[in-house]
Amino acid sequence: MYIVTKERALAQARALSGALALAERAGWTFDRKTSLMLRPPFSNYLHVAAAELLLVPSIDPSRGDIAIIDRGMREARCDALVVKASTAGKPMLYCAVGRWRRQQNLWCHERRPWLTEHGQVWLVAEHVWAEDPGTSILLGPRRLQVAPEPPRLYAHEMAAGFERADVFLAQIWGDL
């Protein structure tokens, strides 16, 4: 159990608003009349039926919460996008993507939002030492699209995409 501090409450708000902003940019809608009824502890996850996705805002950094989300994915038979907000330092979002598979879910961690010049949202590894650094995920109106290569070629293009994403989120959060 965590003690709720001002920083933690702000991070929770940033995680939720950041997740909703990514959902809007990807073209996702939430259907309140969905037939998917998740039981606790999964009932607060947002279900994106068209993308076959559970959207999970979070600030808990442990892989323990990933195990819980993994169970929710098994129950819902869909992918998951965990959007985590930093609790200290520069406000940032980090994402983990779980892809549902019949036998075992596949996870890709340590991804940051990255925007193209045209506003497409990708989730890419910020560092080469990240787990599976070459895998990038495109957020679009349907299922998550996994690409074996990131959508950039040079370091300055990578930095520019992260900067565009940071500015987009700062506008959402009122930090500009």
Protein backbone atom coordinates (compact mmCIF):
# COMPACT_ATOMS: atom_id res chain seq x y z
CA MET A 1 0.00 0.00 0.00
CA TYR A 2 1.25 3.46 -0.90
CA ILE A 3 0.93 6.72 0.96
CA VAL A 4 -0.75 9.18 -1.36
CA THR A 5 1.44 12.23 -1.72
CA LYS A 6 0.93 15.31 -3.85
CA GLU A 7 3.56 14.03 -6.30
CA ARG A 8 1.91 10.62 -6.54
CA ALA A 9 -1.55 12.11 -7.06
CA LEU A 10 -0.17 14.38 -9.79
CA ALA A 11 1.56 11.42 -11.46
CA GLN A 12 -1.72 9.46 -11.39
CA ALA A 13 -3.51 12.38 -13.07
CA ARG A 14 -0.73 12.63 -15.66
CA ALA A 15 -0.89 8.88 -16.37
CA LEU A 16 -4.64 9.00 -16.95
CA SER A 17 -4.62 12.20 -19.02
CA GLY A 18 -1.57 10.99 -20.97
CA ALA A 19 -3.23 7.65 -21.70
CA LEU A 20 -6.39 9.40 -22.88
CA ALA A 21 -4.37 11.80 -25.05
CA LEU A 22 -2.55 8.88 -26.70
CA ALA A 23 -5.91 7.16 -27.22
CA GLU A 24 -7.36 10.26 -28.87
CA ARG A 25 -4.30 10.70 -31.11
CA ALA A 26 -4.53 7.01 -32.11
CA GLY A 27 -8.23 7.40 -32.96
CA TRP A 28 -9.50 5.06 -30.25
CA THR A 29 -12.96 5.34 -28.74
CA PHE A 30 -14.33 3.76 -25.60
CA ASP A 31 -17.63 1.92 -25.77
CA ARG A 32 -19.40 1.98 -22.42
CA LYS A 33 -21.84 -0.64 -23.69
CA THR A 34 -19.14 -3.22 -24.35
CA SER A 35 -19.91 -6.83 -23.59
CA LEU A 36 -16.53 -7.17 -21.89
CA MET A 37 -17.09 -7.16 -18.14
CA LEU A 38 -13.82 -7.37 -16.24
CA ARG A 39 -13.87 -8.17 -12.56
CA PRO A 40 -11.66 -6.48 -9.96
CA PRO A 41 -8.75 -5.79 -9.99
CA PHE A 42 -9.15 -5.31 -13.76
CA SER A 43 -12.43 -3.36 -13.75
CA ASN A 44 -10.72 0.05 -13.88
CA TYR A 45 -8.91 -0.77 -17.14
CA LEU A 46 -10.17 1.07 -20.22
CA HIS A 47 -11.27 -1.24 -23.03
CA VAL A 48 -10.71 -0.20 -26.66
CA ALA A 49 -12.80 -2.74 -28.57
CA ALA A 50 -11.65 -1.74 -32.10
CA ALA A 51 -8.00 -2.14 -31.10
CA GLU A 52 -8.64 -5.24 -28.97
CA LEU A 53 -6.78 -3.46 -26.19
CA LEU A 54 -6.82 -2.77 -22.47
CA LEU A 55 -5.50 0.73 -21.75
CA VAL A 56 -4.04 0.85 -18.24
CA PRO A 57 -2.86 4.16 -16.72
CA SER A 58 -0.41 3.45 -13.90
CA ILE A 59 2.40 4.85 -11.80
CA ASP A 60 3.44 1.60 -10.18
CA PRO A 61 6.85 0.77 -11.63
CA SER A 62 7.08 -2.85 -10.58
CA ARG A 63 6.80 -5.89 -12.77
CA GLY A 64 4.36 -7.12 -10.10
CA ASP A 65 1.62 -4.92 -11.53
CA ILE A 66 2.49 -6.30 -14.97
CA ALA A 67 1.66 -9.78 -13.63
CA ILE A 68 -1.79 -8.53 -12.60
CA ILE A 69 -2.33 -6.87 -15.98
CA ASP A 70 -1.15 -10.09 -17.63
CA ARG A 71 -4.00 -11.93 -15.88
CA GLY A 72 -6.45 -9.27 -17.10
CA MET A 73 -5.20 -9.75 -20.65
CA ARG A 74 -5.73 -13.50 -20.38
CA GLU A 75 -9.28 -12.92 -19.14
CA ALA A 76 -10.12 -10.33 -21.83
CA ARG A 77 -8.11 -12.04 -24.59
CA CYS A 78 -6.68 -8.78 -25.81
CA ASP A 79 -3.49 -6.72 -25.82
CA ALA A 80 -2.58 -4.17 -23.15
CA LEU A 81 -0.94 -0.77 -23.19
CA VAL A 82 0.33 0.27 -19.77
CA VAL A 83 0.95 4.02 -19.60
CA LYS A 84 3.13 5.00 -16.66
CA ALA A 85 3.83 8.56 -15.54
CA SER A 86 7.03 9.55 -13.79
CA THR A 87 6.64 10.54 -10.14
CA ALA A 88 9.83 12.63 -9.98
CA GLY A 89 11.84 14.85 -12.28
CA LYS A 90 10.68 15.87 -15.73
CA PRO A 91 7.09 14.78 -16.40
CA MET A 92 7.29 11.84 -18.81
CA LEU A 93 5.34 8.82 -19.92
CA TYR A 94 6.80 5.37 -20.28
CA CYS A 95 4.83 2.53 -21.77
CA ALA A 96 4.80 -1.23 -21.65
CA VAL A 97 2.99 -3.17 -24.35
CA GLY A 98 1.61 -6.64 -23.78
CA ARG A 99 0.55 -8.63 -26.82
CA TRP A 100 -1.96 -11.38 -26.12
CA ARG A 101 -1.03 -14.83 -27.34
CA ARG A 102 -2.86 -18.08 -26.83
CA GLN A 103 -0.06 -19.68 -24.80
CA GLN A 104 1.70 -16.72 -23.18
CA ASN A 105 1.53 -12.95 -23.47
CA LEU A 106 4.56 -11.18 -24.94
CA TRP A 107 5.75 -7.97 -23.27
CA CYS A 108 7.78 -5.08 -24.58
CA HIS A 109 8.90 -2.60 -21.89
CA GLU A 110 10.59 0.79 -21.68
CA ARG A 111 8.91 2.52 -24.59
CA ARG A 112 8.33 6.27 -24.85
CA PRO A 113 5.82 8.09 -27.03
CA TRP A 114 7.43 9.33 -30.24
CA LEU A 115 5.57 11.54 -32.74
CA THR A 116 6.22 11.75 -36.46
CA GLU A 117 6.13 15.10 -38.21
CA HIS A 118 2.58 14.17 -39.29
CA GLY A 119 1.43 13.39 -35.73
CA GLN A 120 1.46 9.58 -35.80
CA VAL A 121 2.20 8.11 -32.39
CA TRP A 122 4.81 5.40 -32.08
CA LEU A 123 6.19 3.78 -28.94
CA VAL A 124 9.94 3.38 -29.27
CA ALA A 125 12.89 2.49 -27.06
CA GLU A 126 14.70 5.55 -25.80
CA HIS A 127 17.99 3.73 -25.21
CA VAL A 128 19.86 0.99 -27.04
CA TRP A 129 20.17 -0.99 -23.80
CA ALA A 130 16.37 -1.22 -23.46
CA GLU A 131 14.76 -4.62 -23.71
CA ASP A 132 14.33 -5.45 -27.42
CA PRO A 133 15.38 -1.93 -28.57
CA GLY A 134 14.57 -2.46 -32.25
CA THR A 135 10.88 -3.16 -31.71
CA SER A 136 8.56 -0.18 -32.18
CA ILE A 137 4.78 -0.05 -31.92
CA LEU A 138 2.49 2.16 -34.00
CA LEU A 139 -0.70 3.32 -32.29
CA GLY A 140 -3.54 3.48 -34.80
CA PRO A 141 -7.30 2.94 -34.97
CA ARG A 142 -7.01 -0.85 -35.03
CA ARG A 143 -4.77 -3.38 -33.27
CA LEU A 144 -1.28 -2.34 -32.25
CA GLN A 145 1.13 -2.60 -35.16
CA VAL A 146 4.54 -3.95 -34.22
CA ALA A 147 7.45 -2.98 -36.45
CA PRO A 148 10.87 -4.64 -36.26
CA GLU A 149 12.55 -1.30 -36.93
CA PRO A 150 11.97 2.07 -35.32
CA PRO A 151 10.44 4.81 -37.48
CA ARG A 152 13.64 6.90 -37.58
CA LEU A 153 17.10 6.61 -39.04
CA TYR A 154 19.31 9.13 -37.26
CA ALA A 155 19.79 10.27 -33.67
CA HIS A 156 18.58 13.79 -34.43
CA GLU A 157 15.33 12.36 -35.89
CA MET A 158 14.85 10.25 -32.79
CA ALA A 159 15.41 13.26 -30.52
CA ALA A 160 13.02 15.39 -32.58
CA GLY A 161 10.26 12.75 -32.30
CA PHE A 162 10.65 12.54 -28.52
CA GLU A 163 10.62 16.35 -28.33
CA ARG A 164 7.38 16.53 -30.35
CA ALA A 165 5.81 13.96 -28.01
CA ASP A 166 7.03 15.84 -24.92
CA VAL A 167 5.58 19.12 -26.25
CA PHE A 168 2.28 17.40 -27.08
CA LEU A 169 2.01 15.98 -23.56
CA ALA A 170 3.13 19.25 -21.93
CA GLN A 171 0.26 20.99 -23.75
CA ILE A 172 -2.16 18.37 -22.43
CA TRP A 173 -0.81 18.78 -18.90
CA GLY A 174 -0.65 22.58 -19.06
CA ASP A 175 3.13 22.65 -18.58
CA LEU A 176 3.82 25.05 -21.47
